[in-house]
């Protein structure tokens, strides 16, 4: 069945669960944001390269955190009401790390992950740099990276006193520290930005 979504209507996570799997979208305060059907090849390569670095770290260090990649639903409730019909914000970041296992359930994450990576595309750039940054800050995501594939840079933010502070803009030839792991992991961007 082809479902027509009203982009002016406010939906909940309960509605979202009823939609066909081929409808890739996110909810921002109940409003639908359609996602592109499939990211570009370089986007996927960057995502895989980042995941590989995290997996190597996980294999050696066994952190008490879970690593996930898109598509993976992150529900960000605005209150203590965590029932499906009360949640109006659902995002699917490219990479997510969650250290509080109580936030995980069979449908993904409910509440703020500790770490999120968004790899921008022309269609998502404004949303990732502004709306999602504000959303993640508001909900308490500790660390947020925005990856710019064309420029081959990563802008990193860390939450201090409920506000994001830039920890730097990183490019090839540099190592980017993963703040949530307190210096135990630095990712060499020469291993990420490979064509």
N, C-alpha and C. Protein backbone atom coordinates (compact mmCIF):
# COMPACT_ATOMS: atom_id res chain seq x y z
N UNK A 1 0.84 -1.18 0.00
CA UNK A 1 0.00 0.00 0.00
C UNK A 1 0.89 1.24 0.00
N UNK A 2 0.62 2.18 -0.89
CA UNK A 2 1.39 3.42 -0.95
C UNK A 2 0.73 4.44 -0.03
N UNK A 3 1.45 4.80 1.01
CA UNK A 3 0.93 5.72 2.01
C UNK A 3 1.30 7.15 1.65
N UNK A 4 0.33 8.03 1.63
CA UNK A 4 0.59 9.44 1.38
C UNK A 4 0.68 10.15 2.73
N UNK A 5 1.82 10.76 2.98
CA UNK A 5 2.02 11.47 4.24
C UNK A 5 1.70 12.94 4.06
N UNK A 6 0.95 13.48 4.99
CA UNK A 6 0.64 14.90 5.01
C UNK A 6 1.77 15.61 5.75
N UNK A 7 2.58 16.37 5.03
CA UNK A 7 3.75 17.02 5.63
C UNK A 7 3.38 18.17 6.56
N UNK A 8 2.10 18.55 6.57
CA UNK A 8 1.64 19.62 7.46
C UNK A 8 0.97 19.08 8.73
N UNK A 9 0.83 17.77 8.81
CA UNK A 9 0.19 17.14 9.96
C UNK A 9 1.24 16.74 11.00
N UNK A 10 0.86 16.76 12.26
CA UNK A 10 1.76 16.36 13.35
C UNK A 10 1.50 14.88 13.67
N UNK A 11 2.57 14.09 13.66
CA UNK A 11 2.48 12.65 13.90
C UNK A 11 3.21 12.27 15.18
N UNK A 12 2.99 11.02 15.60
CA UNK A 12 3.69 10.46 16.77
C UNK A 12 4.49 9.24 16.33
N UNK A 13 5.27 8.70 17.26
CA UNK A 13 6.01 7.48 16.98
C UNK A 13 5.05 6.33 16.68
N UNK A 14 3.88 6.32 17.31
CA UNK A 14 2.87 5.28 17.03
C UNK A 14 2.46 5.32 15.56
N UNK A 15 2.28 6.52 15.00
CA UNK A 15 1.96 6.66 13.57
C UNK A 15 3.14 6.16 12.73
N UNK A 16 4.31 6.58 13.10
CA UNK A 16 5.56 6.24 12.39
C UNK A 16 5.71 4.73 12.24
N UNK A 17 5.34 3.99 13.28
CA UNK A 17 5.46 2.53 13.25
C UNK A 17 4.53 1.89 12.23
N UNK A 18 3.48 2.59 11.83
CA UNK A 18 2.50 2.04 10.89
C UNK A 18 2.90 2.23 9.43
N UNK A 19 3.89 3.07 9.18
CA UNK A 19 4.25 3.39 7.81
C UNK A 19 5.06 2.27 7.18
N UNK A 20 4.97 2.19 5.86
CA UNK A 20 5.71 1.16 5.11
C UNK A 20 7.21 1.36 5.29
N UNK A 21 7.94 0.26 5.24
CA UNK A 21 9.39 0.30 5.42
C UNK A 21 10.11 1.11 4.35
N UNK A 22 9.47 1.28 3.19
CA UNK A 22 10.13 2.03 2.11
C UNK A 22 10.01 3.54 2.30
N UNK A 23 9.30 3.98 3.33
CA UNK A 23 9.19 5.42 3.63
C UNK A 23 10.28 5.78 4.63
N UNK A 24 11.44 6.19 4.14
CA UNK A 24 12.53 6.60 5.04
C UNK A 24 12.29 8.04 5.43
N UNK A 25 12.04 8.24 6.72
CA UNK A 25 11.77 9.59 7.20
C UNK A 25 12.13 9.71 8.67
N UNK A 26 12.13 10.95 9.13
CA UNK A 26 12.33 11.26 10.53
C UNK A 26 11.18 12.16 10.96
N UNK A 27 10.98 12.27 12.26
CA UNK A 27 9.97 13.17 12.81
C UNK A 27 10.67 14.24 13.64
N UNK A 28 10.35 15.49 13.37
CA UNK A 28 10.85 16.62 14.16
C UNK A 28 9.65 17.29 14.80
N UNK A 29 9.50 17.09 16.09
CA UNK A 29 8.36 17.62 16.83
C UNK A 29 7.04 17.23 16.15
N UNK A 30 7.01 16.01 15.60
CA UNK A 30 5.80 15.49 14.99
C UNK A 30 5.66 15.71 13.50
N UNK A 31 6.52 16.54 12.92
CA UNK A 31 6.42 16.82 11.49
C UNK A 31 7.40 15.96 10.71
N UNK A 32 6.91 15.43 9.58
CA UNK A 32 7.68 14.49 8.78
C UNK A 32 8.78 15.20 8.00
N UNK A 33 9.95 14.60 8.03
CA UNK A 33 11.07 15.02 7.19
C UNK A 33 11.47 13.79 6.38
N UNK A 34 11.17 13.82 5.08
CA UNK A 34 11.50 12.69 4.22
C UNK A 34 13.00 12.62 4.01
N UNK A 35 13.52 11.40 3.99
CA UNK A 35 14.95 11.20 3.78
C UNK A 35 15.15 10.70 2.35
N UNK A 36 16.36 10.89 1.85
CA UNK A 36 16.68 10.39 0.52
C UNK A 36 16.64 8.87 0.55
N UNK A 37 16.25 8.23 -0.56
CA UNK A 37 16.12 6.77 -0.58
C UNK A 37 17.41 6.04 -0.20
N UNK A 38 18.54 6.48 -0.72
CA UNK A 38 19.83 5.86 -0.39
C UNK A 38 20.91 6.92 -0.48
N UNK A 39 21.80 6.95 0.50
CA UNK A 39 22.88 7.94 0.46
C UNK A 39 23.86 7.65 -0.68
N UNK A 40 24.65 8.66 -1.03
CA UNK A 40 25.67 8.50 -2.07
C UNK A 40 26.71 7.48 -1.62
N UNK A 41 27.43 6.93 -2.60
CA UNK A 41 28.42 5.90 -2.30
C UNK A 41 29.50 6.40 -1.34
N UNK A 42 30.00 7.62 -1.55
CA UNK A 42 31.06 8.14 -0.68
C UNK A 42 30.55 8.32 0.75
N UNK A 43 29.31 8.73 0.89
CA UNK A 43 28.67 8.83 2.21
C UNK A 43 28.75 7.47 2.92
N UNK A 44 28.37 6.42 2.20
CA UNK A 44 28.39 5.08 2.78
C UNK A 44 29.81 4.63 3.11
N UNK A 45 30.76 4.98 2.25
CA UNK A 45 32.15 4.61 2.50
C UNK A 45 32.67 5.30 3.76
N UNK A 46 32.35 6.58 3.92
CA UNK A 46 32.77 7.30 5.13
C UNK A 46 32.15 6.67 6.38
N UNK A 47 30.88 6.32 6.29
CA UNK A 47 30.20 5.69 7.41
C UNK A 47 30.88 4.36 7.77
N UNK A 48 31.19 3.56 6.77
CA UNK A 48 31.85 2.27 7.01
C UNK A 48 33.25 2.47 7.59
N UNK A 49 33.98 3.46 7.08
CA UNK A 49 35.33 3.72 7.60
C UNK A 49 35.29 4.13 9.07
N UNK A 50 34.34 4.99 9.42
CA UNK A 50 34.19 5.39 10.83
C UNK A 50 33.79 4.19 11.69
N UNK A 51 32.83 3.42 11.21
CA UNK A 51 32.40 2.23 11.96
C UNK A 51 33.56 1.28 12.19
N UNK A 52 34.39 1.09 11.17
CA UNK A 52 35.54 0.18 11.29
C UNK A 52 36.47 0.63 12.41
N UNK A 53 36.71 1.93 12.53
CA UNK A 53 37.57 2.45 13.59
C UNK A 53 36.95 2.21 14.97
N UNK A 54 35.66 2.43 15.07
CA UNK A 54 34.98 2.18 16.34
C UNK A 54 35.00 0.69 16.69
N UNK A 55 34.79 -0.16 15.70
CA UNK A 55 34.78 -1.61 15.95
C UNK A 55 36.16 -2.08 16.42
N UNK A 56 37.22 -1.57 15.80
CA UNK A 56 38.58 -1.92 16.25
C UNK A 56 38.77 -1.52 17.71
N UNK A 57 38.32 -0.33 18.06
CA UNK A 57 38.42 0.15 19.44
C UNK A 57 37.60 -0.74 20.38
N UNK A 58 36.39 -1.09 19.96
CA UNK A 58 35.52 -1.93 20.79
C UNK A 58 36.15 -3.30 21.01
N UNK A 59 36.74 -3.87 19.95
CA UNK A 59 37.36 -5.19 20.08
C UNK A 59 38.48 -5.20 21.11
N UNK A 60 39.26 -4.13 21.16
CA UNK A 60 40.41 -4.06 22.08
C UNK A 60 40.02 -3.61 23.48
N UNK A 61 39.10 -2.67 23.59
CA UNK A 61 38.83 -2.01 24.87
C UNK A 61 37.54 -2.42 25.57
N UNK A 62 36.64 -3.04 24.85
CA UNK A 62 35.37 -3.50 25.42
C UNK A 62 34.66 -2.43 26.26
N UNK A 63 34.40 -1.25 25.67
CA UNK A 63 33.69 -0.22 26.45
C UNK A 63 32.26 -0.69 26.77
N UNK A 64 31.72 -0.15 27.82
CA UNK A 64 30.38 -0.52 28.26
C UNK A 64 29.34 0.32 27.52
N UNK A 65 29.45 0.35 26.21
CA UNK A 65 28.56 1.14 25.36
C UNK A 65 28.18 0.30 24.14
N UNK A 66 27.09 0.66 23.51
CA UNK A 66 26.62 -0.02 22.31
C UNK A 66 26.78 0.90 21.10
N UNK A 67 27.21 0.34 19.98
CA UNK A 67 27.44 1.06 18.73
C UNK A 67 26.40 0.63 17.71
N UNK A 68 25.77 1.61 17.05
CA UNK A 68 24.76 1.32 16.03
C UNK A 68 24.96 2.24 14.83
N UNK A 69 24.44 1.81 13.68
CA UNK A 69 24.48 2.65 12.48
C UNK A 69 23.10 2.66 11.82
N UNK A 70 22.89 3.64 10.96
CA UNK A 70 21.61 3.82 10.29
C UNK A 70 21.29 2.61 9.41
N UNK A 71 20.01 2.30 9.29
CA UNK A 71 18.87 2.93 9.96
C UNK A 71 18.69 2.38 11.38
N UNK A 72 18.62 3.29 12.32
CA UNK A 72 18.45 2.96 13.74
C UNK A 72 17.65 4.11 14.36
N UNK A 73 16.48 3.79 14.90
CA UNK A 73 15.60 4.83 15.43
C UNK A 73 16.06 5.33 16.80
N UNK A 74 16.20 6.64 16.91
CA UNK A 74 16.47 7.31 18.18
C UNK A 74 15.26 8.18 18.48
N UNK A 75 14.54 7.84 19.55
CA UNK A 75 13.35 8.58 19.95
C UNK A 75 13.74 9.58 21.03
N UNK A 76 13.37 10.82 20.83
CA UNK A 76 13.73 11.88 21.77
C UNK A 76 12.46 12.50 22.34
N UNK A 77 11.96 11.93 23.45
CA UNK A 77 10.74 12.46 24.05
C UNK A 77 10.98 13.81 24.71
N UNK A 78 9.96 14.65 24.71
CA UNK A 78 10.06 15.97 25.32
C UNK A 78 9.75 15.97 26.81
N UNK A 79 9.30 14.84 27.33
CA UNK A 79 8.96 14.77 28.75
C UNK A 79 9.20 13.35 29.22
N UNK A 80 8.70 13.04 30.39
CA UNK A 80 8.81 11.68 30.91
C UNK A 80 7.82 10.74 30.23
N UNK A 81 6.92 11.29 29.43
CA UNK A 81 5.96 10.47 28.68
C UNK A 81 6.70 9.76 27.56
N UNK A 82 6.89 8.46 27.70
CA UNK A 82 7.68 7.72 26.72
C UNK A 82 6.84 6.69 25.97
N UNK A 83 5.52 6.86 26.00
CA UNK A 83 4.68 5.95 25.24
C UNK A 83 4.69 6.38 23.77
N UNK A 84 4.47 5.41 22.89
CA UNK A 84 4.57 5.66 21.45
C UNK A 84 3.70 6.83 20.98
N UNK A 85 2.53 6.98 21.60
CA UNK A 85 1.61 8.03 21.16
C UNK A 85 1.95 9.41 21.73
N UNK A 86 2.99 9.51 22.54
CA UNK A 86 3.42 10.80 23.12
C UNK A 86 4.77 11.28 22.56
N UNK A 87 5.44 10.42 21.83
CA UNK A 87 6.75 10.77 21.28
C UNK A 87 6.57 11.36 19.89
N UNK A 88 7.12 12.57 19.68
CA UNK A 88 6.96 13.28 18.41
C UNK A 88 8.27 13.48 17.66
N UNK A 89 9.38 13.02 18.21
CA UNK A 89 10.67 13.21 17.54
C UNK A 89 11.40 11.88 17.43
N UNK A 90 11.68 11.49 16.18
CA UNK A 90 12.41 10.25 15.89
C UNK A 90 13.43 10.58 14.80
N UNK A 91 14.70 10.31 15.08
CA UNK A 91 15.76 10.56 14.10
C UNK A 91 16.52 9.27 13.83
N UNK A 92 17.22 9.25 12.69
CA UNK A 92 18.05 8.11 12.31
C UNK A 92 19.45 8.60 11.97
N UNK A 93 20.26 8.86 13.00
CA UNK A 93 21.63 9.32 12.73
C UNK A 93 22.44 8.25 12.00
N UNK A 94 23.54 8.68 11.39
CA UNK A 94 24.39 7.72 10.68
C UNK A 94 25.09 6.76 11.64
N UNK A 95 25.60 7.28 12.75
CA UNK A 95 26.27 6.46 13.76
C UNK A 95 25.83 6.95 15.14
N UNK A 96 25.61 6.00 16.04
CA UNK A 96 25.14 6.29 17.39
C UNK A 96 25.89 5.42 18.39
N UNK A 97 26.28 6.02 19.51
CA UNK A 97 26.83 5.25 20.62
C UNK A 97 25.99 5.55 21.86
N UNK A 98 25.56 4.47 22.53
CA UNK A 98 24.71 4.58 23.71
C UNK A 98 25.38 3.83 24.85
N UNK A 99 25.67 4.53 25.93
CA UNK A 99 26.35 3.92 27.08
C UNK A 99 25.39 3.52 28.21
N UNK A 100 24.17 4.00 28.17
CA UNK A 100 23.16 3.64 29.16
C UNK A 100 22.24 2.59 28.56
N UNK A 101 22.45 1.34 28.93
CA UNK A 101 21.68 0.24 28.35
C UNK A 101 20.18 0.35 28.64
N UNK A 102 19.80 1.11 29.66
CA UNK A 102 18.38 1.30 29.97
C UNK A 102 17.66 2.11 28.89
N UNK A 103 18.42 2.77 28.03
CA UNK A 103 17.81 3.55 26.94
C UNK A 103 17.52 2.70 25.71
N UNK A 104 17.96 1.45 25.72
CA UNK A 104 17.78 0.57 24.57
C UNK A 104 16.57 -0.33 24.75
N UNK A 105 15.83 -0.49 23.66
CA UNK A 105 14.75 -1.47 23.62
C UNK A 105 14.72 -2.09 22.23
N UNK A 106 13.76 -2.94 21.98
CA UNK A 106 13.74 -3.67 20.71
C UNK A 106 13.55 -2.76 19.50
N UNK A 107 13.13 -1.51 19.71
CA UNK A 107 12.91 -0.59 18.59
C UNK A 107 14.01 0.44 18.44
N UNK A 108 15.03 0.38 19.27
CA UNK A 108 16.13 1.35 19.14
C UNK A 108 16.46 1.99 20.47
N UNK A 109 16.62 3.30 20.44
CA UNK A 109 17.02 4.07 21.61
C UNK A 109 15.90 5.04 21.98
N UNK A 110 15.64 5.15 23.27
CA UNK A 110 14.68 6.14 23.75
C UNK A 110 15.41 7.04 24.74
N UNK A 111 15.60 8.28 24.34
CA UNK A 111 16.41 9.22 25.11
C UNK A 111 17.69 9.53 24.37
N UNK A 112 18.48 10.42 24.93
CA UNK A 112 19.68 10.91 24.25
C UNK A 112 20.80 9.88 24.24
N UNK A 113 21.33 9.55 23.06
CA UNK A 113 22.56 8.76 23.00
C UNK A 113 23.72 9.60 23.56
N UNK A 114 24.85 8.96 23.76
CA UNK A 114 26.03 9.68 24.24
C UNK A 114 26.78 10.34 23.10
N UNK A 115 26.68 9.76 21.90
CA UNK A 115 27.48 10.21 20.76
C UNK A 115 26.68 10.00 19.49
N UNK A 116 26.70 11.00 18.61
CA UNK A 116 26.01 10.91 17.32
C UNK A 116 26.92 11.46 16.23
N UNK A 117 26.91 10.77 15.08
CA UNK A 117 27.58 11.25 13.87
C UNK A 117 26.51 11.42 12.79
N UNK A 118 26.52 12.58 12.14
CA UNK A 118 25.70 12.82 10.95
C UNK A 118 26.64 13.15 9.81
N UNK A 119 26.51 12.42 8.71
CA UNK A 119 27.27 12.69 7.49
C UNK A 119 26.35 13.47 6.57
N UNK A 120 26.72 14.71 6.29
CA UNK A 120 25.79 15.56 5.56
C UNK A 120 25.79 15.25 4.06
N UNK A 121 24.69 15.59 3.45
CA UNK A 121 24.54 15.58 2.00
C UNK A 121 23.93 16.93 1.64
N UNK A 122 23.93 17.30 0.37
CA UNK A 122 23.31 18.59 0.02
C UNK A 122 21.87 18.71 0.53
N UNK A 123 21.14 17.61 0.54
CA UNK A 123 19.74 17.66 0.97
C UNK A 123 19.58 17.79 2.49
N UNK A 124 20.60 17.38 3.26
CA UNK A 124 20.46 17.38 4.72
C UNK A 124 21.35 18.40 5.43
N UNK A 125 22.16 19.12 4.70
CA UNK A 125 23.18 19.99 5.31
C UNK A 125 22.59 20.97 6.32
N UNK A 126 21.59 21.73 5.92
CA UNK A 126 21.01 22.73 6.82
C UNK A 126 20.41 22.10 8.07
N UNK A 127 19.70 21.01 7.86
CA UNK A 127 19.07 20.34 9.00
C UNK A 127 20.12 19.78 9.96
N UNK A 128 21.17 19.13 9.43
CA UNK A 128 22.21 18.54 10.29
C UNK A 128 23.01 19.60 11.04
N UNK A 129 23.29 20.73 10.38
CA UNK A 129 24.13 21.77 10.99
C UNK A 129 23.37 22.64 11.98
N UNK A 130 22.06 22.75 11.81
CA UNK A 130 21.31 23.67 12.65
C UNK A 130 20.23 22.96 13.48
N UNK A 131 19.22 22.41 12.81
CA UNK A 131 18.09 21.81 13.53
C UNK A 131 18.52 20.64 14.40
N UNK A 132 19.29 19.72 13.80
CA UNK A 132 19.70 18.55 14.58
C UNK A 132 20.71 18.93 15.66
N UNK A 133 21.59 19.84 15.36
CA UNK A 133 22.55 20.29 16.38
C UNK A 133 21.78 20.85 17.59
N UNK A 134 20.81 21.68 17.34
CA UNK A 134 20.00 22.26 18.42
C UNK A 134 19.20 21.18 19.15
N UNK A 135 18.61 20.26 18.38
CA UNK A 135 17.83 19.17 18.95
C UNK A 135 18.70 18.30 19.86
N UNK A 136 19.87 17.91 19.37
CA UNK A 136 20.76 17.04 20.16
C UNK A 136 21.27 17.77 21.40
N UNK A 137 21.56 19.02 21.27
CA UNK A 137 21.99 19.81 22.43
C UNK A 137 20.87 19.87 23.47
N UNK A 138 19.66 20.17 23.03
CA UNK A 138 18.50 20.28 23.92
C UNK A 138 18.24 18.98 24.67
N UNK A 139 18.45 17.85 24.01
CA UNK A 139 18.16 16.55 24.63
C UNK A 139 19.34 15.96 25.39
N UNK A 140 20.51 16.60 25.30
CA UNK A 140 21.64 16.16 26.11
C UNK A 140 22.57 15.14 25.48
N UNK A 141 22.64 15.10 24.14
CA UNK A 141 23.63 14.24 23.47
C UNK A 141 25.00 14.82 23.78
N UNK A 142 25.87 14.04 24.41
CA UNK A 142 27.14 14.56 24.91
C UNK A 142 28.09 15.01 23.80
N UNK A 143 28.15 14.23 22.71
CA UNK A 143 29.11 14.53 21.65
C UNK A 143 28.43 14.39 20.30
N UNK A 144 28.68 15.36 19.42
CA UNK A 144 28.05 15.40 18.10
C UNK A 144 29.10 15.75 17.05
N UNK A 145 29.23 14.89 16.05
CA UNK A 145 30.13 15.14 14.93
C UNK A 145 29.31 15.35 13.66
N UNK A 146 29.69 16.36 12.89
CA UNK A 146 29.10 16.59 11.57
C UNK A 146 30.22 16.36 10.56
N UNK A 147 30.01 15.39 9.67
CA UNK A 147 31.00 15.03 8.66
C UNK A 147 30.62 15.71 7.35
N UNK A 148 31.58 16.43 6.77
CA UNK A 148 31.40 17.11 5.49
C UNK A 148 32.20 16.35 4.43
N UNK A 149 31.56 15.47 3.65
CA UNK A 149 32.28 14.62 2.70
C UNK A 149 33.05 15.40 1.64
N UNK A 150 32.44 16.41 1.03
CA UNK A 150 33.12 17.14 -0.05
C UNK A 150 34.34 17.89 0.43
N UNK A 151 34.26 18.47 1.61
CA UNK A 151 35.38 19.24 2.17
C UNK A 151 36.36 18.35 2.92
N UNK A 152 35.95 17.12 3.19
CA UNK A 152 36.75 16.15 3.95
C UNK A 152 37.16 16.71 5.31
N UNK A 153 36.15 17.19 6.03
CA UNK A 153 36.37 17.68 7.39
C UNK A 153 35.28 17.14 8.32
N UNK A 154 35.60 17.15 9.61
CA UNK A 154 34.62 16.81 10.64
C UNK A 154 34.61 17.96 11.65
N UNK A 155 33.41 18.49 11.89
CA UNK A 155 33.20 19.49 12.93
C UNK A 155 32.72 18.74 14.17
N UNK A 156 33.44 18.88 15.29
CA UNK A 156 33.10 18.14 16.51
C UNK A 156 32.61 19.08 17.59
N UNK A 157 31.60 18.64 18.32
CA UNK A 157 31.03 19.40 19.43
C UNK A 157 30.95 18.50 20.66
N UNK A 158 31.13 19.11 21.83
CA UNK A 158 30.97 18.40 23.09
C UNK A 158 30.10 19.25 24.01
N UNK A 159 29.20 18.60 24.72
CA UNK A 159 28.24 19.29 25.58
C UNK A 159 28.88 19.67 26.91
N UNK A 160 28.91 20.97 27.19
CA UNK A 160 29.41 21.48 28.47
C UNK A 160 28.40 22.49 28.99
N UNK A 161 27.94 22.28 30.20
CA UNK A 161 26.94 23.16 30.83
C UNK A 161 25.72 23.35 29.92
N UNK A 162 25.26 22.24 29.36
CA UNK A 162 24.06 22.18 28.52
C UNK A 162 24.18 22.93 27.21
N UNK A 163 25.38 23.28 26.78
CA UNK A 163 25.60 23.97 25.49
C UNK A 163 26.72 23.26 24.75
N UNK A 164 26.58 23.18 23.42
CA UNK A 164 27.66 22.60 22.63
C UNK A 164 28.80 23.59 22.50
N UNK A 165 29.99 23.08 22.73
CA UNK A 165 31.23 23.83 22.49
C UNK A 165 31.98 23.09 21.41
N UNK A 166 32.47 23.82 20.42
CA UNK A 166 33.25 23.19 19.36
C UNK A 166 34.57 22.70 19.94
N UNK A 167 34.89 21.44 19.67
CA UNK A 167 36.20 20.92 20.09
C UNK A 167 37.18 20.97 18.93
N UNK A 168 36.70 21.42 17.76
CA UNK A 168 37.59 21.61 16.64
C UNK A 168 36.98 21.19 15.32
N UNK A 169 37.67 21.63 14.27
CA UNK A 169 37.37 21.20 12.91
C UNK A 169 38.59 20.40 12.47
N UNK A 170 38.36 19.15 12.10
CA UNK A 170 39.46 18.22 11.83
C UNK A 170 39.44 17.80 10.36
N UNK A 171 40.64 17.57 9.82
CA UNK A 171 40.76 17.16 8.42
C UNK A 171 41.87 16.12 8.30
N UNK A 172 42.15 15.72 7.06
CA UNK A 172 43.20 14.73 6.81
C UNK A 172 44.51 15.18 7.47
N UNK A 173 45.27 14.20 7.93
CA UNK A 173 46.52 14.50 8.60
C UNK A 173 46.34 14.77 10.08
N UNK A 174 45.10 14.75 10.55
CA UNK A 174 44.82 15.01 11.97
C UNK A 174 44.10 13.81 12.59
N UNK A 175 44.18 13.77 13.90
CA UNK A 175 43.48 12.76 14.68
C UNK A 175 42.39 13.47 15.47
N UNK A 176 41.19 12.92 15.43
CA UNK A 176 40.06 13.51 16.15
C UNK A 176 39.80 12.69 17.42
N UNK A 177 39.86 13.33 18.58
CA UNK A 177 39.61 12.58 19.82
C UNK A 177 38.11 12.35 20.03
N UNK A 178 37.78 11.16 20.50
CA UNK A 178 36.40 10.85 20.86
C UNK A 178 36.28 11.17 22.35
N UNK A 179 35.64 12.29 22.64
CA UNK A 179 35.59 12.83 24.00
C UNK A 179 34.91 11.90 25.00
N UNK A 180 33.87 11.19 24.57
CA UNK A 180 33.15 10.34 25.53
C UNK A 180 34.02 9.19 26.03
N UNK A 181 35.09 8.87 25.31
CA UNK A 181 36.00 7.81 25.74
C UNK A 181 37.24 8.37 26.44
N UNK A 182 37.20 9.65 26.80
CA UNK A 182 38.21 10.31 27.65
C UNK A 182 39.65 10.05 27.22
N UNK A 183 39.92 10.25 25.93
CA UNK A 183 41.28 10.15 25.43
C UNK A 183 41.73 8.75 25.05
N UNK A 184 40.87 7.77 25.22
CA UNK A 184 41.25 6.40 24.89
C UNK A 184 41.14 6.10 23.40
N UNK A 185 40.45 6.96 22.66
CA UNK A 185 40.29 6.75 21.22
C UNK A 185 40.46 8.06 20.47
N UNK A 186 41.38 8.03 19.52
CA UNK A 186 41.55 9.11 18.56
C UNK A 186 41.50 8.49 17.18
N UNK A 187 40.74 9.08 16.28
CA UNK A 187 40.57 8.51 14.94
C UNK A 187 41.37 9.34 13.95
N UNK A 188 42.27 8.67 13.24
CA UNK A 188 43.09 9.30 12.22
C UNK A 188 42.22 9.53 10.98
N UNK A 189 42.07 10.77 10.58
CA UNK A 189 41.16 11.06 9.47
C UNK A 189 41.71 10.62 8.12
N UNK A 190 43.00 10.28 8.05
CA UNK A 190 43.52 9.68 6.82
C UNK A 190 42.87 8.31 6.58
N UNK A 191 42.43 7.67 7.66
CA UNK A 191 41.76 6.37 7.55
C UNK A 191 40.27 6.51 7.24
N UNK A 192 39.75 7.71 7.34
CA UNK A 192 38.32 7.94 7.11
C UNK A 192 38.07 8.47 5.70
N UNK A 193 38.79 9.52 5.33
CA UNK A 193 38.56 10.17 4.04
C UNK A 193 39.43 9.51 2.97
N UNK A 194 38.99 8.33 2.54
CA UNK A 194 39.68 7.59 1.48
C UNK A 194 38.73 7.49 0.30
N UNK A 195 39.21 7.80 -0.86
CA UNK A 195 38.34 7.77 -2.06
C UNK A 195 38.30 6.39 -2.67
